[in-house]
Amino acid sequence: MEAFQRIADESTDPVYPGSRAAGTEGYADSVDYVAGLLRNAGYTVTLDPVPVTFFRPSTLSQVTPTAAEHPIAIATGSGYGTFSGPVIPVDVNLSGDRVNSSGCEAGDFAGLDFGGPTDIALVQRGTCSFEIKARNAEAAGAEAVVIFNQGDTIGGGDRLGVVSPTLGAFQAEGPVVGTSFAAGEALARAGSTALIDVQEPEQRTDYNVIAELPGENVDNVVMAGAHLDSVTEGPGINDNGSGSAALLETALLMAKSKTPNTLRFGWWAAEEEGLVGSRDYVAGLSQAERDRIALYMNYDMVGSPNYYLGVYDADESTFPAPVVVPEGSEAIEDVYEAYYTKVGQPYDDSEFSGRSDYQAFIQSGIPSGGLFTGAEVRKTPEQQAVWGGTAGNQFDPCYHAACDDIANYDAGALEVNSDLIAYAMLHFGYSTEAVNGVPGKKVPGPAFTLPAPAGPEGTFAGGGGGLAHDHVHDHDHERESA
């Protein structure tokens, strides 16, 4: 953990210093650090190249009548460039129910002067698709388009925050960006001018780090992984230095082990950009290679400062999964829960949503499981009674923020989970029979009998298990404006 903090601190990346984000110097140094320790321990290490799209910071700055920086989301299909000019509202509705058809018809632009060299069209979410709004604005002569959220709460939903437009098959010539309703209100004021800067992304190459310890059975592979990158905002010590460090410690401790099954460890690139590294890895495997993987275990955020101890709910006893959970995954959950019971640690279910690096594995039918200690969801009083911490605060108050640094983890939670990560790797290294039916052996040494799981605490008031349904790891975006 301290090494990952030091790597971020020493990064002089020209775009995102102080981070270990995909495509940066900090990520490259993280790869070198992990790979170097593994090689020194005797592992054969593969640096698996991963193409990543590197985005430079984009901005939406209001210049007049009051200077302000507004939040921004780049539309799919957006053009690029820097434009500074007048902001021209197009049939927007800022009051009442805020129902509108802003930009849905060519006639909405009639009588508006888009004859200048850098005119910015301001349109509101509502009625028609983002694509239609952007097409009409560009056809009217706008050099850039800002789409702000509608500002209502239809069906109990929230249309106040930053909207992420998708433009379908349309490729705009100029920038098309989304922003919040509050930003739209400010930009709609008379005399508004703004600066939009959207830089064209670069294609760069990052690397997954793969290390393998051959066992007696090379056709029965036990695999575990953790993403190695951070977000651009900071060093990413809990997310996901915690999982990366715990997995690295396990690999180093097991370097001289001789297990019946082959052990494989993976540190993934560009998880924060949409699970890029793990998806690329699984996509590059032949069906025969996928069939050799008996199971996959994922460790993403295992030391949250205001933690709970969560286990992916493979048996769907608490959370119906929005994905098909491969047969055998329940046996992985059972081992985690039995271990927590053995060491006297309460645990709970975490939604098996497919929103981290295990997604590509379960989509390929590979049994999977994992641990999680919470992200942006707030801890309930019931959870505080079980795990301590502070009710009303997020499980990780520094989630995806600059303050996710060396002070942002709970050492006790990380120690418990690090021990469990090592135990699970050893347990399945000797036998995956409960997962895929392949006969195994008993772990040598003093007997360590796991009891029946005590059962989850059942303290969650809502879905997600510590991970909000709009958690950015899955990078979902709204596809229609209505």
Foldseek 3Di string as FASTA:
>chain_A
DVVLQVLQQPFPWVAQGFFLAFPGSSVQVLLVVLQVLLVVLPWDKDWAKFKDWAFGDKWKWKDPPDTDTFDKAFEVLFAFDKAKWAEDEFFFDLDDQRATCGQQDLCSCPPPDLPDPAYEYETEFHDFFPQSSLVSCVVSNHQEYEYEFSQHQPPNRDRFAWAHHYNPPHRDNHTYITGGSVVSVVSNDPPIMIMTGGDGIDIDMGTKMKTKDAELDALAEEEEEEERGAFSAHSCCLQPVLQVVLQSVLCSVCSPPHFNHMYMYIHAHNLLVALRRLLVVLVPDDLSRLNSYQEYEYEGRQFAAQWAKEKAPLVCPPHDEPDDAAFLLVVLSFLLLLLCVLVVAAYAYFYPHLLGNCVNSVVSRHRYMYIHTAAADFADPLRCVRVNGDGPGASFNQHSHHPSHPVGGHPVSSVSVSVSVSVSSQQVSFPSCSRPNDDGDDRDDDDDDGDGRPHHPPPDPDHGRRADPVRCSNVDHDHGSD
